[in-house]
PDB file of N, CA and C in Angstrom:
ATOM      1  N   MET A   1      84.160 100.124 130.028  1.00  0.00           N
ATOM      2  CA  MET A   1      83.291 100.666 129.003  1.00  0.00           C
ATOM      3  C   MET A   1      82.689 101.984 129.518  1.00  0.00           C
ATOM      4  N   PRO A   2      82.686 103.033 128.663  1.00  0.00           N
ATOM      5  CA  PRO A   2      82.139 104.307 129.114  1.00  0.00           C
ATOM      6  C   PRO A   2      80.637 104.241 129.332  1.00  0.00           C
ATOM      7  N   PRO A   3      80.126 105.090 130.211  1.00  0.00           N
ATOM      8  CA  PRO A   3      78.677 105.110 130.442  1.00  0.00           C
ATOM      9  C   PRO A   3      77.927 105.522 129.179  1.00  0.00           C
ATOM     10  N   ALA A   4      76.682 105.111 129.089  1.00  0.00           N
ATOM     11  CA  ALA A   4      75.852 105.401 127.909  1.00  0.00           C
ATOM     12  C   ALA A   4      75.648 106.900 127.714  1.00  0.00           C
ATOM     13  N   ASP A   5      75.718 107.671 128.785  1.00  0.00           N
ATOM     14  CA  ASP A   5      75.491 109.115 128.664  1.00  0.00           C
ATOM     15  C   ASP A   5      76.797 109.899 128.469  1.00  0.00           C
ATOM     16  N   ASP A   6      77.893 109.197 128.185  1.00  0.00           N
ATOM     17  CA  ASP A   6      79.177 109.844 127.967  1.00  0.00           C
ATOM     18  C   ASP A   6      79.107 110.711 126.708  1.00  0.00           C
ATOM     19  N   PRO A   7      79.418 111.996 126.805  1.00  0.00           N
ATOM     20  CA  PRO A   7      79.314 112.893 125.655  1.00  0.00           C
ATOM     21  C   PRO A   7      80.433 112.715 124.626  1.00  0.00           C
ATOM     22  N   PHE A   8      81.393 111.841 124.901  1.00  0.00           N
ATOM     23  CA  PHE A   8      82.519 111.654 123.988  1.00  0.00           C
ATOM     24  C   PHE A   8      82.076 111.184 122.602  1.00  0.00           C
ATOM     25  N   PHE A   9      81.190 110.221 122.563  1.00  0.00           N
ATOM     26  CA  PHE A   9      80.804 109.644 121.272  1.00  0.00           C
ATOM     27  C   PHE A   9      80.019 110.608 120.393  1.00  0.00           C
ATOM     28  N   PRO A  10      79.042 111.352 120.921  1.00  0.00           N
ATOM     29  CA  PRO A  10      78.404 112.372 120.087  1.00  0.00           C
ATOM     30  C   PRO A  10      79.395 113.449 119.635  1.00  0.00           C
ATOM     31  N   TRP A  11      80.324 113.825 120.518  1.00  0.00           N
ATOM     32  CA  TRP A  11      81.338 114.803 120.148  1.00  0.00           C
ATOM     33  C   TRP A  11      82.208 114.270 119.009  1.00  0.00           C
ATOM     34  N   LEU A  12      82.615 113.000 119.125  1.00  0.00           N
ATOM     35  CA  LEU A  12      83.445 112.388 118.092  1.00  0.00           C
ATOM     36  C   LEU A  12      82.707 112.339 116.755  1.00  0.00           C
ATOM     37  N   ALA A  13      81.439 111.986 116.778  1.00  0.00           N
ATOM     38  CA  ALA A  13      80.639 111.963 115.555  1.00  0.00           C
ATOM     39  C   ALA A  13      80.520 113.361 114.962  1.00  0.00           C
ATOM     40  N   GLU A  14      80.358 114.367 115.807  1.00  0.00           N
ATOM     41  CA  GLU A  14      80.278 115.751 115.341  1.00  0.00           C
ATOM     42  C   GLU A  14      81.577 116.170 114.654  1.00  0.00           C
ATOM     43  N   GLN A  15      82.711 115.786 115.245  1.00  0.00           N
ATOM     44  CA  GLN A  15      84.002 116.116 114.649  1.00  0.00           C
ATOM     45  C   GLN A  15      84.163 115.428 113.292  1.00  0.00           C
ATOM     46  N   ALA A  16      83.743 114.178 113.205  1.00  0.00           N
ATOM     47  CA  ALA A  16      83.833 113.452 111.928  1.00  0.00           C
ATOM     48  C   ALA A  16      82.989 114.150 110.858  1.00  0.00           C
ATOM     49  N   ARG A  17      81.782 114.539 111.223  1.00  0.00           N
ATOM     50  CA  ARG A  17      80.921 115.246 110.251  1.00  0.00           C
ATOM     51  C   ARG A  17      81.536 116.583 109.841  1.00  0.00           C
ATOM     52  N   ARG A  18      82.101 117.297 110.803  1.00  0.00           N
ATOM     53  CA  ARG A  18      82.730 118.589 110.525  1.00  0.00           C
ATOM     54  C   ARG A  18      83.879 118.438 109.528  1.00  0.00           C
ATOM     55  N   LEU A  19      84.560 117.304 109.595  1.00  0.00           N
ATOM     56  CA  LEU A  19      85.684 117.042 108.699  1.00  0.00           C
ATOM     57  C   LEU A  19      85.249 116.385 107.388  1.00  0.00           C
ATOM     58  N   GLY A  20      83.947 116.200 107.214  1.00  0.00           N
ATOM     59  CA  GLY A  20      83.442 115.596 105.982  1.00  0.00           C
ATOM     60  C   GLY A  20      83.544 114.087 105.966  1.00  0.00           C
ATOM     61  N   LEU A  21      83.672 113.481 107.127  1.00  0.00           N
ATOM     62  CA  LEU A  21      83.774 112.022 107.246  1.00  0.00           C
ATOM     63  C   LEU A  21      82.449 111.499 107.787  1.00  0.00           C
ATOM     64  N   GLU A  22      81.424 111.547 106.936  1.00  0.00           N
ATOM     65  CA  GLU A  22      80.071 111.241 107.405  1.00  0.00           C
ATOM     66  C   GLU A  22      79.683 109.781 107.298  1.00  0.00           C
ATOM     67  N   THR A  23      80.537 108.963 106.703  1.00  0.00           N
ATOM     68  CA  THR A  23      80.245 107.533 106.633  1.00  0.00           C
ATOM     69  C   THR A  23      81.433 106.762 107.182  1.00  0.00           C
ATOM     70  N   ALA A  24      81.197 105.514 107.497  1.00  0.00           N
ATOM     71  CA  ALA A  24      82.280 104.670 107.999  1.00  0.00           C
ATOM     72  C   ALA A  24      83.212 104.226 106.879  1.00  0.00           C
ATOM     73  N   LEU A  25      82.812 104.443 105.644  1.00  0.00           N
ATOM     74  CA  LEU A  25      83.661 104.073 104.514  1.00  0.00           C
ATOM     75  C   LEU A  25      84.716 105.151 104.314  1.00  0.00           C
ATOM     76  N   THR A  26      85.964 104.777 104.414  1.00  0.00           N
ATOM     77  CA  THR A  26      87.026 105.769 104.306  1.00  0.00           C
ATOM     78  C   THR A  26      87.692 105.754 102.934  1.00  0.00           C
ATOM     79  N   ASP A  27      87.233 104.887 102.023  1.00  0.00           N
ATOM     80  CA  ASP A  27      87.788 104.894 100.673  1.00  0.00           C
ATOM     81  C   ASP A  27      87.511 106.247 100.034  1.00  0.00           C
ATOM     82  N   GLY A  28      88.545 106.898  99.585  1.00  0.00           N
ATOM     83  CA  GLY A  28      88.386 108.197  98.952  1.00  0.00           C
ATOM     84  C   GLY A  28      88.280 109.354  99.925  1.00  0.00           C
ATOM     85  N   ALA A  29      88.351 109.079 101.224  1.00  0.00           N
ATOM     86  CA  ALA A  29      88.277 110.165 102.216  1.00  0.00           C
ATOM     87  C   ALA A  29      89.581 110.959 102.183  1.00  0.00           C
ATOM     88  N   ASP A  30      89.480 112.212 102.527  1.00  0.00           N
ATOM     89  CA  ASP A  30      90.646 113.089 102.583  1.00  0.00           C
ATOM     90  C   ASP A  30      91.606 112.580 103.665  1.00  0.00           C
ATOM     91  N   PRO A  31      92.834 112.220 103.292  1.00  0.00           N
ATOM     92  CA  PRO A  31      93.786 111.713 104.289  1.00  0.00           C
ATOM     93  C   PRO A  31      94.058 112.716 105.415  1.00  0.00           C
ATOM     94  N   GLU A  32      94.055 114.003 105.100  1.00  0.00           N
ATOM     95  CA  GLU A  32      94.283 115.014 106.137  1.00  0.00           C
ATOM     96  C   GLU A  32      93.124 115.034 107.135  1.00  0.00           C
ATOM     97  N   ALA A  33      91.899 114.860 106.640  1.00  0.00           N
ATOM     98  CA  ALA A  33      90.738 114.822 107.535  1.00  0.00           C
ATOM     99  C   ALA A  33      90.805 113.601 108.447  1.00  0.00           C
ATOM    100  N   LEU A  34      91.208 112.466 107.899  1.00  0.00           N
ATOM    101  CA  LEU A  34      91.344 111.256 108.722  1.00  0.00           C
ATOM    102  C   LEU A  34      92.419 111.447 109.789  1.00  0.00           C
ATOM    103  N   CYS A  35      93.516 112.045 109.405  1.00  0.00           N
ATOM    104  CA  CYS A  35      94.607 112.291 110.350  1.00  0.00           C
ATOM    105  C   CYS A  35      94.160 113.263 111.447  1.00  0.00           C
ATOM    106  N   THR A  36      93.427 114.291 111.076  1.00  0.00           N
ATOM    107  CA  THR A  36      92.924 115.261 112.055  1.00  0.00           C
ATOM    108  C   THR A  36      91.978 114.586 113.039  1.00  0.00           C
ATOM    109  N   LEU A  37      91.073 113.742 112.523  1.00  0.00           N
ATOM    110  CA  LEU A  37      90.143 113.042 113.410  1.00  0.00           C
ATOM    111  C   LEU A  37      90.894 112.115 114.359  1.00  0.00           C
ATOM    112  N   ALA A  38      91.905 111.424 113.856  1.00  0.00           N
ATOM    113  CA  ALA A  38      92.703 110.542 114.715  1.00  0.00           C
ATOM    114  C   ALA A  38      93.402 111.345 115.806  1.00  0.00           C
ATOM    115  N   LEU A  39      93.970 112.486 115.450  1.00  0.00           N
ATOM    116  CA  LEU A  39      94.655 113.325 116.427  1.00  0.00           C
ATOM    117  C   LEU A  39      93.679 113.860 117.487  1.00  0.00           C
ATOM    118  N   LEU A  40      92.517 114.348 117.040  1.00  0.00           N
ATOM    119  CA  LEU A  40      91.505 114.829 117.988  1.00  0.00           C
ATOM    120  C   LEU A  40      91.068 113.725 118.939  1.00  0.00           C
ATOM    121  N   THR A  41      90.891 112.529 118.392  1.00  0.00           N
ATOM    122  CA  THR A  41      90.466 111.383 119.206  1.00  0.00           C
ATOM    123  C   THR A  41      91.524 111.043 120.245  1.00  0.00           C
ATOM    124  N   LEU A  42      92.785 110.982 119.828  1.00  0.00           N
ATOM    125  CA  LEU A  42      93.865 110.661 120.765  1.00  0.00           C
ATOM    126  C   LEU A  42      94.009 111.736 121.844  1.00  0.00           C
ATOM    127  N   GLN A  43      93.879 112.994 121.454  1.00  0.00           N
ATOM    128  CA  GLN A  43      93.970 114.074 122.445  1.00  0.00           C
ATOM    129  C   GLN A  43      92.838 113.980 123.462  1.00  0.00           C
ATOM    130  N   GLU A  44      91.647 113.688 123.000  1.00  0.00           N
ATOM    131  CA  GLU A  44      90.505 113.596 123.914  1.00  0.00           C
ATOM    132  C   GLU A  44      90.642 112.380 124.827  1.00  0.00           C
ATOM    133  N   LEU A  45      91.117 111.265 124.289  1.00  0.00           N
ATOM    134  CA  LEU A  45      91.333 110.080 125.121  1.00  0.00           C
ATOM    135  C   LEU A  45      92.384 110.359 126.188  1.00  0.00           C
ATOM    136  N   ALA A  46      93.430 111.090 125.836  1.00  0.00           N
ATOM    137  CA  ALA A  46      94.452 111.454 126.823  1.00  0.00           C
ATOM    138  C   ALA A  46      93.865 112.400 127.869  1.00  0.00           C
ATOM    139  N   ALA A  47      93.055 113.351 127.431  1.00  0.00           N
ATOM    140  CA  ALA A  47      92.438 114.297 128.371  1.00  0.00           C
ATOM    141  C   ALA A  47      91.526 113.586 129.358  1.00  0.00           C
ATOM    142  N   ARG A  48      90.927 112.485 128.935  1.00  0.00           N
ATOM    143  CA  ARG A  48      90.030 111.727 129.816  1.00  0.00           C
ATOM    144  C   ARG A  48      90.775 110.684 130.644  1.00  0.00           C
ATOM    145  N   GLY A  49      92.088 110.572 130.447  1.00  0.00           N
ATOM    146  CA  GLY A  49      92.886 109.648 131.240  1.00  0.00           C
ATOM    147  C   GLY A  49      92.961 108.235 130.694  1.00  0.00           C
ATOM    148  N   TYR A  50      92.436 107.989 129.492  1.00  0.00           N
ATOM    149  CA  TYR A  50      92.502 106.654 128.905  1.00  0.00           C
ATOM    150  C   TYR A  50      93.851 106.380 128.260  1.00  0.00           C
ATOM    151  N   LEU A  51      94.591 107.420 127.907  1.00  0.00           N
ATOM    152  CA  LEU A  51      95.930 107.315 127.334  1.00  0.00           C
ATOM    153  C   LEU A  51      96.839 108.281 128.085  1.00  0.00           C
ATOM    154  N   PRO A  52      98.138 107.974 128.143  1.00  0.00           N
ATOM    155  CA  PRO A  52      99.034 108.936 128.779  1.00  0.00           C
ATOM    156  C   PRO A  52      99.117 110.208 127.945  1.00  0.00           C
ATOM    157  N   ALA A  53      99.122 111.331 128.607  1.00  0.00           N
ATOM    158  CA  ALA A  53      99.198 112.624 127.924  1.00  0.00           C
ATOM    159  C   ALA A  53     100.658 113.044 127.805  1.00  0.00           C
ATOM    160  N   GLU A  54     100.930 113.861 126.801  1.00  0.00           N
ATOM    161  CA  GLU A  54     102.269 114.424 126.676  1.00  0.00           C
ATOM    162  C   GLU A  54     102.457 115.428 127.798  1.00  0.00           C
ATOM    163  N   PRO A  55     103.643 115.466 128.388  1.00  0.00           N
ATOM    164  CA  PRO A  55     103.869 116.456 129.450  1.00  0.00           C
ATOM    165  C   PRO A  55     103.831 117.865 128.879  1.00  0.00           C
ATOM    166  N   GLU A  56     103.224 118.761 129.630  1.00  0.00           N
ATOM    167  CA  GLU A  56     103.132 120.153 129.212  1.00  0.00           C
ATOM    168  C   GLU A  56     104.158 120.969 129.984  1.00  0.00           C
ATOM    169  N   VAL A  57     104.808 121.847 129.270  1.00  0.00           N
ATOM    170  CA  VAL A  57     105.760 122.734 129.931  1.00  0.00           C
ATOM    171  C   VAL A  57     104.973 123.907 130.488  1.00  0.00           C
ATOM    172  N   GLY A  58     105.113 124.113 131.745  1.00  0.00           N
ATOM    173  CA  GLY A  58     104.431 125.209 132.424  1.00  0.00           C
ATOM    174  C   GLY A  58     105.302 125.697 133.552  1.00  0.00           C
ATOM    175  N   CYS A  59     104.706 126.373 134.495  1.00  0.00           N
ATOM    176  CA  CYS A  59     105.535 126.881 135.576  1.00  0.00           C
ATOM    177  C   CYS A  59     106.230 125.777 136.361  1.00  0.00           C
ATOM    178  N   TRP A  60     105.613 124.632 136.467  1.00  0.00           N
ATOM    179  CA  TRP A  60     106.208 123.554 137.259  1.00  0.00           C
ATOM    180  C   TRP A  60     106.772 122.457 136.361  1.00  0.00           C
ATOM    181  N   GLY A  61     106.844 122.704 135.057  1.00  0.00           N
ATOM    182  CA  GLY A  61     107.320 121.694 134.116  1.00  0.00           C
ATOM    183  C   GLY A  61     108.807 121.445 134.203  1.00  0.00           C
ATOM    184  N   ARG A  62     109.564 122.404 134.703  1.00  0.00           N
ATOM    185  CA  ARG A  62     111.012 122.247 134.835  1.00  0.00           C
ATOM    186  C   ARG A  62     111.510 123.166 135.944  1.00  0.00           C
ATOM    187  N   PRO A  63     112.696 122.894 136.450  1.00  0.00           N
ATOM    188  CA  PRO A  63     113.211 123.744 137.538  1.00  0.00           C
ATOM    189  C   PRO A  63     113.401 125.180 137.076  1.00  0.00           C
ATOM    190  N   ARG A  64     113.232 126.090 138.007  1.00  0.00           N
ATOM    191  CA  ARG A  64     113.420 127.505 137.693  1.00  0.00           C
ATOM    192  C   ARG A  64     114.903 127.788 137.433  1.00  0.00           C
ATOM    193  N   SER A  65     115.134 128.750 136.574  1.00  0.00           N
ATOM    194  CA  SER A  65     116.489 129.186 136.276  1.00  0.00           C
ATOM    195  C   SER A  65     117.067 129.896 137.495  1.00  0.00           C
ATOM    196  N   ARG A  66     118.299 129.648 137.792  1.00  0.00           N
ATOM    197  CA  ARG A  66     118.954 130.318 138.921  1.00  0.00           C
ATOM    198  C   ARG A  66     119.372 131.732 138.542  1.00  0.00           C
ATOM    199  N   ALA A  67     119.249 132.085 137.264  1.00  0.00           N
ATOM    200  CA  ALA A  67     119.647 133.411 136.804  1.00  0.00           C
ATOM    201  C   ALA A  67     118.657 134.492 137.206  1.00  0.00           C
ATOM    202  N   ASN A  68     117.460 134.121 137.611  1.00  0.00           N
ATOM    203  CA  ASN A  68     116.439 135.119 137.950  1.00  0.00           C
ATOM    204  C   ASN A  68     116.690 135.738 139.290  1.00  0.00           C
TER     205      ASN A  68
END
């Protein structure tokens, strides 16, 4: 369980309000807003190590080309 002072939950509530999801009732809520909130939540959980993150392609993401 996260510590009581974890900023994740206030941040998540802020994102929900920003998307117009100010109540727990989702009947009639914009499906795109719900999907965006779910995506933001999953990305943040991955960033905090609670879920596996997608691998990022960067300088060390794959072997260097021998053509260089």
